[in-house]
Amino acid sequence: MNEDRLAGTAKNLGGKVQEGIGKATGDASTEASGRMKQVEGDLQDLYGQARETAGQAARVVRDQASSFEEMLRDTIEKRPYTAVAAALAVGWVIGRMGRPY
């Protein structure tokens, strides 16, 4: 849990307390202010969740790229002729894409 999620949860809790005080005293302004703090807290918590999710996605992509690199390196080292043939084929296809028919 990151700082944004903790701060958002704290704001939400503080807003609930403030809303309760506003209801108990009959002060509509305090009650509305408490509701606004709850909304701020919810938004900050959602922002924190989005940051965590983006960080996790970046780690997954980095790990996948690393495993692909290892597989590619292993293939080149163990089967160099296959790697050269694949590189030639890819180069030929790219070259054909640039030419008019």
N, C-alpha and C. Protein backbone atom coordinates (compact mmCIF):
# COMPACT_ATOMS: atom_id res chain seq x y z
N MET A 1 0.85 -1.17 0.00
CA MET A 1 0.00 0.00 0.00
C MET A 1 0.90 1.23 0.00
N ASN A 2 0.67 2.14 -0.94
CA ASN A 2 1.53 3.32 -1.04
C ASN A 2 0.95 4.50 -0.25
N GLU A 3 1.69 5.61 -0.25
CA GLU A 3 1.30 6.79 0.54
C GLU A 3 -0.04 7.36 0.11
N ASP A 4 -0.33 7.35 -1.19
CA ASP A 4 -1.60 7.91 -1.67
C ASP A 4 -2.79 7.11 -1.13
N ARG A 5 -2.65 5.80 -1.11
CA ARG A 5 -3.75 4.98 -0.60
C ARG A 5 -3.96 5.21 0.90
N LEU A 6 -2.85 5.31 1.64
CA LEU A 6 -2.97 5.55 3.08
C LEU A 6 -3.58 6.93 3.36
N ALA A 7 -3.10 7.93 2.66
CA ALA A 7 -3.63 9.28 2.86
C ALA A 7 -5.10 9.35 2.45
N GLY A 8 -5.45 8.66 1.36
CA GLY A 8 -6.84 8.65 0.91
C GLY A 8 -7.76 7.99 1.93
N THR A 9 -7.30 6.89 2.48
CA THR A 9 -8.10 6.20 3.51
C THR A 9 -8.25 7.07 4.75
N ALA A 10 -7.18 7.77 5.13
CA ALA A 10 -7.24 8.66 6.30
C ALA A 10 -8.21 9.81 6.05
N LYS A 11 -8.15 10.40 4.85
CA LYS A 11 -9.09 11.50 4.53
C LYS A 11 -10.53 11.01 4.55
N ASN A 12 -10.74 9.83 4.00
CA ASN A 12 -12.08 9.27 3.97
C ASN A 12 -12.61 9.07 5.38
N LEU A 13 -11.77 8.51 6.25
CA LEU A 13 -12.17 8.29 7.63
C LEU A 13 -12.43 9.61 8.35
N GLY A 14 -11.55 10.58 8.14
CA GLY A 14 -11.75 11.91 8.74
C GLY A 14 -13.02 12.57 8.24
N GLY A 15 -13.32 12.38 6.96
CA GLY A 15 -14.55 12.94 6.39
C GLY A 15 -15.79 12.31 7.00
N LYS A 16 -15.72 11.00 7.26
CA LYS A 16 -16.87 10.32 7.90
C LYS A 16 -17.10 10.85 9.31
N VAL A 17 -16.01 11.06 10.03
CA VAL A 17 -16.13 11.61 11.39
C VAL A 17 -16.72 13.01 11.33
N GLN A 18 -16.20 13.84 10.40
CA GLN A 18 -16.69 15.21 10.27
C GLN A 18 -18.17 15.21 9.86
N GLU A 19 -18.56 14.32 8.96
CA GLU A 19 -19.96 14.24 8.55
C GLU A 19 -20.84 13.84 9.74
N GLY A 20 -20.35 12.89 10.55
CA GLY A 20 -21.11 12.48 11.73
C GLY A 20 -21.28 13.61 12.72
N ILE A 21 -20.22 14.39 12.92
CA ILE A 21 -20.32 15.54 13.83
C ILE A 21 -21.31 16.55 13.27
N GLY A 22 -21.26 16.77 11.97
CA GLY A 22 -22.20 17.71 11.35
C GLY A 22 -23.64 17.26 11.51
N LYS A 23 -23.88 15.96 11.36
CA LYS A 23 -25.25 15.43 11.54
C LYS A 23 -25.69 15.57 12.99
N ALA A 24 -24.77 15.26 13.91
CA ALA A 24 -25.12 15.31 15.33
C ALA A 24 -25.42 16.73 15.79
N THR A 25 -24.69 17.70 15.27
CA THR A 25 -24.90 19.08 15.70
C THR A 25 -25.93 19.81 14.83
N GLY A 26 -26.29 19.19 13.71
CA GLY A 26 -27.25 19.84 12.81
C GLY A 26 -26.61 20.88 11.92
N ASP A 27 -25.30 20.87 11.81
CA ASP A 27 -24.57 21.84 10.98
C ASP A 27 -24.39 21.27 9.58
N ALA A 28 -25.17 21.78 8.63
CA ALA A 28 -25.13 21.28 7.25
C ALA A 28 -23.80 21.56 6.58
N SER A 29 -23.16 22.65 6.92
CA SER A 29 -21.88 22.99 6.33
C SER A 29 -20.80 21.97 6.72
N THR A 30 -20.75 21.62 8.00
CA THR A 30 -19.77 20.64 8.46
C THR A 30 -20.05 19.27 7.85
N GLU A 31 -21.31 18.94 7.74
CA GLU A 31 -21.71 17.66 7.14
C GLU A 31 -21.28 17.60 5.67
N ALA A 32 -21.53 18.68 4.94
CA ALA A 32 -21.15 18.72 3.52
C ALA A 32 -19.63 18.70 3.37
N SER A 33 -18.94 19.39 4.24
CA SER A 33 -17.48 19.40 4.20
C SER A 33 -16.93 17.99 4.45
N GLY A 34 -17.55 17.27 5.34
CA GLY A 34 -17.16 15.88 5.61
C GLY A 34 -17.37 14.99 4.40
N ARG A 35 -18.47 15.19 3.72
CA ARG A 35 -18.72 14.41 2.50
C ARG A 35 -17.69 14.71 1.42
N MET A 36 -17.32 15.99 1.31
CA MET A 36 -16.31 16.36 0.32
C MET A 36 -14.95 15.73 0.65
N LYS A 37 -14.60 15.68 1.94
CA LYS A 37 -13.35 15.03 2.32
C LYS A 37 -13.39 13.54 2.00
N GLN A 38 -14.56 12.93 2.14
CA GLN A 38 -14.69 11.51 1.79
C GLN A 38 -14.44 11.29 0.30
N VAL A 39 -14.99 12.18 -0.51
CA VAL A 39 -14.79 12.08 -1.96
C VAL A 39 -13.31 12.28 -2.30
N GLU A 40 -12.67 13.28 -1.67
CA GLU A 40 -11.23 13.50 -1.88
C GLU A 40 -10.44 12.25 -1.51
N GLY A 41 -10.80 11.66 -0.38
CA GLY A 41 -10.10 10.46 0.07
C GLY A 41 -10.28 9.30 -0.89
N ASP A 42 -11.51 9.12 -1.38
CA ASP A 42 -11.77 8.05 -2.35
C ASP A 42 -10.96 8.25 -3.63
N LEU A 43 -10.92 9.50 -4.11
CA LEU A 43 -10.16 9.78 -5.32
C LEU A 43 -8.66 9.55 -5.12
N GLN A 44 -8.14 9.96 -3.98
CA GLN A 44 -6.72 9.77 -3.72
C GLN A 44 -6.40 8.27 -3.59
N ASP A 45 -7.30 7.52 -2.98
CA ASP A 45 -7.11 6.07 -2.88
C ASP A 45 -7.13 5.42 -4.26
N LEU A 46 -8.05 5.85 -5.12
CA LEU A 46 -8.10 5.32 -6.48
C LEU A 46 -6.83 5.65 -7.25
N TYR A 47 -6.32 6.87 -7.06
CA TYR A 47 -5.06 7.25 -7.70
C TYR A 47 -3.92 6.35 -7.23
N GLY A 48 -3.88 6.07 -5.95
CA GLY A 48 -2.86 5.18 -5.40
C GLY A 48 -2.98 3.77 -5.96
N GLN A 49 -4.21 3.30 -6.12
CA GLN A 49 -4.42 1.97 -6.71
C GLN A 49 -3.93 1.94 -8.16
N ALA A 50 -4.21 3.02 -8.89
CA ALA A 50 -3.77 3.08 -10.29
C ALA A 50 -2.25 3.09 -10.38
N ARG A 51 -1.60 3.82 -9.49
CA ARG A 51 -0.12 3.84 -9.48
C ARG A 51 0.43 2.46 -9.18
N GLU A 52 -0.16 1.76 -8.22
CA GLU A 52 0.30 0.41 -7.89
C GLU A 52 0.12 -0.53 -9.09
N THR A 53 -1.03 -0.44 -9.75
CA THR A 53 -1.31 -1.30 -10.88
C THR A 53 -0.34 -1.02 -12.03
N ALA A 54 -0.06 0.25 -12.28
CA ALA A 54 0.89 0.60 -13.34
C ALA A 54 2.29 0.08 -13.00
N GLY A 55 2.67 0.17 -11.75
CA GLY A 55 3.98 -0.35 -11.34
C GLY A 55 4.07 -1.85 -11.51
N GLN A 56 2.99 -2.55 -11.17
CA GLN A 56 2.97 -4.00 -11.35
C GLN A 56 3.03 -4.36 -12.82
N ALA A 57 2.31 -3.64 -13.66
CA ALA A 57 2.32 -3.91 -15.10
C ALA A 57 3.72 -3.68 -15.67
N ALA A 58 4.39 -2.64 -15.21
CA ALA A 58 5.74 -2.37 -15.69
C ALA A 58 6.69 -3.49 -15.29
N ARG A 59 6.53 -4.01 -14.07
CA ARG A 59 7.38 -5.12 -13.63
C ARG A 59 7.13 -6.36 -14.47
N VAL A 60 5.87 -6.64 -14.80
CA VAL A 60 5.54 -7.81 -15.62
C VAL A 60 6.15 -7.67 -17.00
N VAL A 61 6.04 -6.49 -17.61
CA VAL A 61 6.61 -6.27 -18.94
C VAL A 61 8.12 -6.42 -18.90
N ARG A 62 8.75 -5.87 -17.87
CA ARG A 62 10.20 -5.96 -17.74
C ARG A 62 10.63 -7.42 -17.59
N ASP A 63 9.89 -8.19 -16.79
CA ASP A 63 10.23 -9.60 -16.60
C ASP A 63 10.05 -10.39 -17.89
N GLN A 64 8.96 -10.10 -18.62
CA GLN A 64 8.71 -10.80 -19.89
C GLN A 64 9.79 -10.46 -20.91
N ALA A 65 10.20 -9.21 -20.97
CA ALA A 65 11.25 -8.81 -21.91
C ALA A 65 12.56 -9.51 -21.55
N SER A 66 12.82 -9.62 -20.27
CA SER A 66 14.04 -10.29 -19.83
C SER A 66 14.02 -11.76 -20.22
N SER A 67 12.88 -12.43 -20.02
CA SER A 67 12.81 -13.85 -20.38
C SER A 67 12.88 -14.03 -21.90
N PHE A 68 12.31 -13.10 -22.67
CA PHE A 68 12.41 -13.17 -24.13
C PHE A 68 13.86 -12.99 -24.56
N GLU A 69 14.55 -12.06 -23.93
CA GLU A 69 15.95 -11.83 -24.26
C GLU A 69 16.79 -13.08 -23.97
N GLU A 70 16.53 -13.72 -22.84
CA GLU A 70 17.26 -14.95 -22.50
C GLU A 70 16.98 -16.05 -23.51
N MET A 71 15.72 -16.20 -23.92
CA MET A 71 15.35 -17.22 -24.90
C MET A 71 16.02 -16.93 -26.24
N LEU A 72 16.03 -15.68 -26.65
CA LEU A 72 16.65 -15.29 -27.91
C LEU A 72 18.15 -15.54 -27.88
N ARG A 73 18.79 -15.14 -26.79
CA ARG A 73 20.23 -15.35 -26.64
C ARG A 73 20.55 -16.85 -26.67
N ASP A 74 19.75 -17.65 -25.98
CA ASP A 74 19.97 -19.09 -25.94
C ASP A 74 19.82 -19.71 -27.34
N THR A 75 18.81 -19.27 -28.08
CA THR A 75 18.59 -19.79 -29.44
C THR A 75 19.75 -19.42 -30.35
N ILE A 76 20.22 -18.20 -30.27
CA ILE A 76 21.34 -17.76 -31.12
C ILE A 76 22.60 -18.55 -30.79
N GLU A 77 22.85 -18.79 -29.51
CA GLU A 77 24.05 -19.51 -29.12
C GLU A 77 23.99 -20.99 -29.50
N LYS A 78 22.82 -21.60 -29.35
CA LYS A 78 22.71 -23.05 -29.59
C LYS A 78 22.42 -23.38 -31.05
N ARG A 79 21.73 -22.49 -31.77
CA ARG A 79 21.38 -22.74 -33.17
C ARG A 79 21.68 -21.50 -34.02
N PRO A 80 22.93 -21.25 -34.28
CA PRO A 80 23.29 -20.03 -35.00
C PRO A 80 22.77 -20.01 -36.44
N TYR A 81 22.75 -21.16 -37.11
CA TYR A 81 22.28 -21.18 -38.51
C TYR A 81 20.78 -20.88 -38.58
N THR A 82 20.02 -21.40 -37.63
CA THR A 82 18.58 -21.11 -37.58
C THR A 82 18.37 -19.61 -37.32
N ALA A 83 19.17 -19.04 -36.44
CA ALA A 83 19.04 -17.62 -36.13
C ALA A 83 19.36 -16.76 -37.35
N VAL A 84 20.41 -17.13 -38.10
CA VAL A 84 20.76 -16.38 -39.30
C VAL A 84 19.66 -16.49 -40.35
N ALA A 85 19.11 -17.70 -40.52
CA ALA A 85 18.03 -17.89 -41.49
C ALA A 85 16.81 -17.06 -41.10
N ALA A 86 16.48 -17.03 -39.81
CA ALA A 86 15.33 -16.23 -39.36
C ALA A 86 15.58 -14.75 -39.59
N ALA A 87 16.80 -14.29 -39.31
CA ALA A 87 17.13 -12.87 -39.52
C ALA A 87 17.04 -12.51 -40.99
N LEU A 88 17.52 -13.39 -41.87
CA LEU A 88 17.41 -13.14 -43.31
C LEU A 88 15.95 -13.08 -43.75
N ALA A 89 15.14 -13.99 -43.23
CA ALA A 89 13.72 -14.01 -43.59
C ALA A 89 13.03 -12.72 -43.13
N VAL A 90 13.30 -12.29 -41.92
CA VAL A 90 12.70 -11.06 -41.42
C VAL A 90 13.17 -9.87 -42.25
N GLY A 91 14.44 -9.83 -42.58
CA GLY A 91 14.96 -8.75 -43.41
C GLY A 91 14.34 -8.73 -44.79
N TRP A 92 14.14 -9.91 -45.37
CA TRP A 92 13.52 -10.00 -46.69
C TRP A 92 12.08 -9.48 -46.64
N VAL A 93 11.32 -9.88 -45.60
CA VAL A 93 9.93 -9.43 -45.47
C VAL A 93 9.88 -7.91 -45.30
N ILE A 94 10.75 -7.36 -44.47
CA ILE A 94 10.77 -5.91 -44.27
C ILE A 94 11.14 -5.21 -45.57
N GLY A 95 12.09 -5.77 -46.31
CA GLY A 95 12.47 -5.19 -47.59
C GLY A 95 11.35 -5.22 -48.60
N ARG A 96 10.57 -6.28 -48.61
CA ARG A 96 9.44 -6.39 -49.54
C ARG A 96 8.32 -5.40 -49.17
N MET A 97 8.20 -5.07 -47.92
CA MET A 97 7.14 -4.15 -47.51
C MET A 97 7.41 -2.74 -48.02
N GLY A 98 8.66 -2.39 -48.25
CA GLY A 98 9.00 -1.05 -48.71
C GLY A 98 8.93 -0.88 -50.22
N ARG A 99 8.80 -1.96 -50.95
CA ARG A 99 8.77 -1.89 -52.41
C ARG A 99 7.36 -1.83 -52.97
N PRO A 100 7.16 -1.09 -54.04
CA PRO A 100 5.85 -1.17 -54.70
C PRO A 100 5.77 -2.47 -55.49
N TYR A 101 4.58 -2.98 -55.65
CA TYR A 101 4.40 -4.26 -56.35
C TYR A 101 4.44 -4.10 -57.82
